[in-house]
Amino acid sequence: MTSPMPWFETLTDSVYALGAAAREAQRAARTAELARDAYDLDRLRPVDGEVRLDGRAPGGVPFRPHDAALFTIGDVLMDQAHKLRTLYSQAAEGYAYGTAWAILRVLEGQQPDAVQLGRSREGFYVIPGELSPLPPLMPGLERWNGYNKLVHAHARWAICEEAGLFAEYLDEQPQLSDHEAGELHEAIDTATGVPDAAYAYGQLAESALRFALLEPRAQHARQQSAR
């Protein structure tokens, strides 16, 4: 009978699955955004030909099939880009938060066999309170040679998140000065970097998890050899 995989192997697989989901969502979102941006109605030449539709009263608004197709395609591309951007944002957050959760458990001496996150009915990840709004820094990783990069990625993610909150605050104000309007646009631009910042953090955190698992792996190997 095959023995079950050690907890650290299934935990590693769990984190890798979160990363794979984020990567696929990122590719799909970028492809959809390129398709949306490339579909520029200004460069197209609508055909003015009309079609008489059965049951439509004479003299009504004429039906132009080329116009109808163009606008339908544009709406679909816009909707697709929005949905895939949302998916990417959620997948990247799940990757970042889930990997941080795994590292914290391992550093505490626990042995989780999978990442534990909640999911709402809408399909959004529910982040544990200890990680929200951002995971804490982890001094237990300071011996890892990528720790400074992880700290930098954490800071970049925080800047993007804070910009999003600031943009929401300004957007709720009944009136904005010209200066505040400029700040709003700048904050929105920065906040659009949240998914990429979360994904970049997740990638580094996945490497950090491998470092955190070195001792549990070594201990497991010693136990196996002692049998």
Protein backbone atom coordinates (compact mmCIF):
# COMPACT_ATOMS: atom_id res chain seq x y z
CA MET A 1 0.00 0.00 0.00
CA THR A 2 1.36 3.41 -0.96
CA SER A 3 2.01 5.65 2.03
CA PRO A 4 0.30 9.07 2.00
CA MET A 5 2.29 12.07 0.91
CA PRO A 6 3.91 14.04 3.74
CA TRP A 7 2.01 17.15 4.80
CA PHE A 8 4.66 19.50 3.42
CA GLU A 9 4.32 17.99 -0.06
CA THR A 10 0.55 18.45 -0.21
CA LEU A 11 0.93 21.95 1.26
CA THR A 12 3.43 22.78 -1.48
CA ASP A 13 0.99 21.43 -4.08
CA SER A 14 -1.79 23.54 -2.58
CA VAL A 15 0.24 26.74 -2.90
CA TYR A 16 1.38 25.82 -6.41
CA ALA A 17 -2.25 25.36 -7.45
CA LEU A 18 -3.06 28.86 -6.22
CA GLY A 19 -0.14 30.21 -8.23
CA ALA A 20 -1.16 28.29 -11.34
CA ALA A 21 -4.67 29.71 -11.09
CA ALA A 22 -3.29 33.24 -10.79
CA ARG A 23 -0.97 32.76 -13.78
CA GLU A 24 -3.76 31.49 -16.02
CA ALA A 25 -6.05 34.31 -14.92
CA GLN A 26 -3.29 36.85 -15.54
CA ARG A 27 -2.69 35.59 -19.08
CA ALA A 28 -6.41 35.52 -19.86
CA ALA A 29 -6.97 39.01 -18.43
CA ARG A 30 -4.11 40.51 -20.41
CA THR A 31 -5.24 38.82 -23.62
CA ALA A 32 -8.79 40.12 -23.09
CA GLU A 33 -7.53 43.65 -22.39
CA LEU A 34 -5.41 43.61 -25.55
CA ALA A 35 -8.41 42.45 -27.58
CA ARG A 36 -10.61 45.15 -26.03
CA ASP A 37 -8.05 47.89 -26.63
CA ALA A 38 -7.42 46.76 -30.21
CA TYR A 39 -11.12 46.93 -31.02
CA ASP A 40 -11.24 50.64 -31.82
CA LEU A 41 -14.51 51.70 -33.43
CA ASP A 42 -12.84 54.87 -34.71
CA ARG A 43 -10.67 52.85 -37.07
CA LEU A 44 -13.62 50.89 -38.46
CA ARG A 45 -15.80 52.08 -41.31
CA PRO A 46 -19.43 51.24 -40.59
CA VAL A 47 -21.50 50.09 -43.53
CA ASP A 48 -24.69 52.13 -43.78
CA GLY A 49 -26.80 49.40 -45.38
CA GLU A 50 -30.15 48.82 -43.70
CA VAL A 51 -32.33 45.75 -43.26
CA ARG A 52 -36.12 45.79 -43.01
CA LEU A 53 -37.17 43.70 -40.05
CA ASP A 54 -40.48 41.88 -40.01
CA GLY A 55 -43.00 43.41 -37.67
CA ARG A 56 -41.24 46.78 -37.33
CA ALA A 57 -43.36 49.79 -38.20
CA PRO A 58 -42.29 51.73 -41.28
CA GLY A 59 -40.49 54.96 -40.50
CA GLY A 60 -38.99 53.64 -37.25
CA VAL A 61 -35.30 53.56 -36.39
CA PRO A 62 -33.64 51.56 -39.19
CA PHE A 63 -31.73 48.40 -38.37
CA ARG A 64 -28.14 48.49 -39.57
CA PRO A 65 -26.65 45.00 -39.13
CA HIS A 66 -23.03 46.14 -39.33
CA ASP A 67 -23.55 48.75 -36.59
CA ALA A 68 -25.35 46.19 -34.42
CA ALA A 69 -22.53 43.69 -34.80
CA LEU A 70 -19.84 46.27 -34.05
CA PHE A 71 -21.46 47.48 -30.85
CA THR A 72 -22.28 43.95 -29.68
CA ILE A 73 -18.67 42.86 -30.20
CA GLY A 74 -17.43 45.92 -28.31
CA ASP A 75 -19.78 45.24 -25.39
CA VAL A 76 -18.74 41.58 -25.23
CA LEU A 77 -15.03 42.46 -25.26
CA MET A 78 -15.53 45.07 -22.52
CA ASP A 79 -17.50 42.63 -20.38
CA GLN A 80 -15.01 39.83 -20.93
CA ALA A 81 -12.06 42.06 -20.01
CA HIS A 82 -13.83 43.20 -16.83
CA LYS A 83 -14.74 39.67 -15.74
CA LEU A 84 -11.27 38.28 -16.38
CA ARG A 85 -9.64 41.25 -14.63
CA THR A 86 -11.82 40.49 -11.60
CA LEU A 87 -10.86 36.81 -11.79
CA TYR A 88 -7.17 37.73 -11.96
CA SER A 89 -7.50 40.07 -9.00
CA GLN A 90 -9.18 37.37 -6.91
CA ALA A 91 -6.75 34.65 -7.98
CA ALA A 92 -3.73 36.84 -7.24
CA GLU A 93 -5.07 37.73 -3.80
CA GLY A 94 -5.76 34.08 -3.05
CA TYR A 95 -2.22 33.19 -4.08
CA ALA A 96 -0.62 35.94 -1.98
CA TYR A 97 -2.74 35.50 1.12
CA GLY A 98 -2.84 31.72 0.93
CA THR A 99 0.93 31.42 0.64
CA ALA A 100 1.46 33.88 3.49
CA TRP A 101 -0.96 31.85 5.61
CA ALA A 102 1.03 28.68 4.88
CA ILE A 103 4.35 30.31 5.82
CA LEU A 104 2.99 31.63 9.11
CA ARG A 105 1.65 28.18 10.04
CA VAL A 106 4.98 26.53 9.26
CA LEU A 107 6.97 29.14 11.19
CA GLU A 108 4.67 28.50 14.16
CA GLY A 109 5.59 24.81 14.04
CA GLN A 110 2.25 23.63 12.66
CA GLN A 111 1.86 21.03 9.90
CA PRO A 112 -1.02 22.05 7.61
CA ASP A 113 -1.50 19.75 4.65
CA ALA A 114 -3.23 22.44 2.54
CA VAL A 115 -3.90 26.16 2.45
CA GLN A 116 -7.07 27.16 4.28
CA LEU A 117 -9.08 30.09 2.88
CA GLY A 118 -12.76 30.89 2.82
CA ARG A 119 -14.86 31.40 -0.32
CA SER A 120 -17.94 33.58 -0.60
CA ARG A 121 -21.02 32.62 -2.61
CA GLU A 122 -19.81 35.03 -5.29
CA GLY A 123 -16.53 33.10 -5.57
CA PHE A 124 -14.36 35.65 -3.75
CA TYR A 125 -11.70 34.53 -1.30
CA VAL A 126 -12.43 35.27 2.35
CA ILE A 127 -9.15 36.25 3.95
CA PRO A 128 -8.36 35.28 7.57
CA GLY A 129 -8.44 38.29 9.88
CA GLU A 130 -4.82 37.83 10.90
CA LEU A 131 -3.74 38.46 7.29
CA SER A 132 -6.04 41.37 6.53
CA PRO A 133 -5.50 43.92 5.16
CA LEU A 134 -1.97 42.64 4.43
CA PRO A 135 0.06 39.75 5.85
CA PRO A 136 2.54 40.75 8.56
CA LEU A 137 6.25 40.79 7.92
CA MET A 138 7.96 37.55 8.91
CA PRO A 139 11.26 37.92 10.79
CA GLY A 140 11.53 34.13 10.84
CA LEU A 141 12.57 34.34 7.19
CA GLU A 142 15.42 36.81 7.66
CA ARG A 143 18.05 34.13 6.98
CA TRP A 144 16.51 33.52 3.55
CA ASN A 145 18.43 35.34 0.81
CA GLY A 146 15.22 36.59 -0.79
CA TYR A 147 13.83 38.19 2.35
CA ASN A 148 14.58 41.78 1.33
CA LYS A 149 12.82 41.24 -2.00
CA LEU A 150 9.79 39.88 -0.13
CA VAL A 151 9.75 42.96 2.12
CA HIS A 152 9.92 45.20 -0.95
CA ALA A 153 7.10 43.30 -2.64
CA HIS A 154 5.06 43.60 0.56
CA ALA A 155 5.62 47.38 0.57
CA ARG A 156 4.65 47.72 -3.09
CA TRP A 157 1.46 45.73 -2.52
CA ALA A 158 0.62 47.93 0.49
CA ILE A 159 1.09 51.11 -1.57
CA CYS A 160 -1.32 49.85 -4.23
CA GLU A 161 -3.89 48.77 -1.64
CA GLU A 162 -3.68 52.11 0.18
CA ALA A 163 -4.11 53.95 -3.12
CA GLY A 164 -7.30 51.99 -3.73
CA LEU A 165 -8.70 52.95 -0.34
CA PHE A 166 -7.75 56.59 -0.92
CA ALA A 167 -9.43 56.55 -4.32
CA GLU A 168 -12.60 55.16 -2.77
CA TYR A 169 -12.55 57.90 -0.13
CA LEU A 170 -12.13 60.67 -2.70
CA ASP A 171 -14.77 59.18 -4.98
CA GLU A 172 -17.30 59.33 -2.16
CA GLN A 173 -16.81 63.07 -1.64
CA PRO A 174 -19.65 65.27 -2.98
CA GLN A 175 -17.23 67.73 -4.54
CA LEU A 176 -13.53 67.70 -5.40
CA SER A 177 -11.10 70.49 -6.06
CA ASP A 178 -8.92 70.35 -9.18
CA HIS A 179 -6.04 69.18 -6.98
CA GLU A 180 -8.14 66.44 -5.39
CA ALA A 181 -9.40 65.34 -8.80
CA GLY A 182 -5.77 64.94 -9.87
CA GLU A 183 -5.06 62.93 -6.73
CA LEU A 184 -8.07 60.71 -7.49
CA HIS A 185 -6.82 59.85 -10.97
CA GLU A 186 -3.32 59.21 -9.65
CA ALA A 187 -4.67 56.96 -6.89
CA ILE A 188 -6.81 55.02 -9.37
CA ASP A 189 -3.78 54.47 -11.62
CA THR A 190 -1.73 53.18 -8.67
CA ALA A 191 -4.57 50.98 -7.43
CA THR A 192 -4.78 49.18 -10.78
CA GLY A 193 -1.44 47.60 -9.82
CA VAL A 194 -2.98 45.63 -6.93
CA PRO A 195 -3.33 42.30 -8.79
CA ASP A 196 0.21 42.43 -10.20
CA ALA A 197 1.61 43.45 -6.81
CA ALA A 198 -0.24 40.64 -5.04
CA TYR A 199 0.92 38.13 -7.65
CA ALA A 200 4.54 39.29 -7.37
CA TYR A 201 4.32 38.91 -3.60
CA GLY A 202 2.81 35.45 -4.02
CA GLN A 203 5.68 34.33 -6.25
CA LEU A 204 8.30 35.42 -3.71
CA ALA A 205 6.28 34.00 -0.84
CA GLU A 206 6.14 30.63 -2.60
CA SER A 207 9.94 30.62 -2.68
CA ALA A 208 9.96 31.69 0.97
CA LEU A 209 7.72 28.75 1.83
CA ARG A 210 10.22 26.35 0.31
CA PHE A 211 12.86 27.87 2.58
CA ALA A 212 10.58 27.61 5.62
CA LEU A 213 10.01 23.92 4.81
CA LEU A 214 13.70 23.00 4.69
CA GLU A 215 13.84 22.03 8.36
CA PRO A 216 10.52 20.10 8.38
CA ARG A 217 11.70 18.21 5.31
CA ALA A 218 15.06 17.44 6.91
CA GLN A 219 13.36 16.32 10.12
CA HIS A 220 11.04 14.05 8.16
CA ALA A 221 14.02 12.54 6.33
CA ARG A 222 15.79 11.86 9.66
CA GLN A 223 12.70 10.16 11.02
CA GLN A 224 12.39 7.99 7.92
CA SER A 225 16.02 6.95 8.05
CA ALA A 226 15.74 6.09 11.76
CA ARG A 227 12.99 3.54 11.13
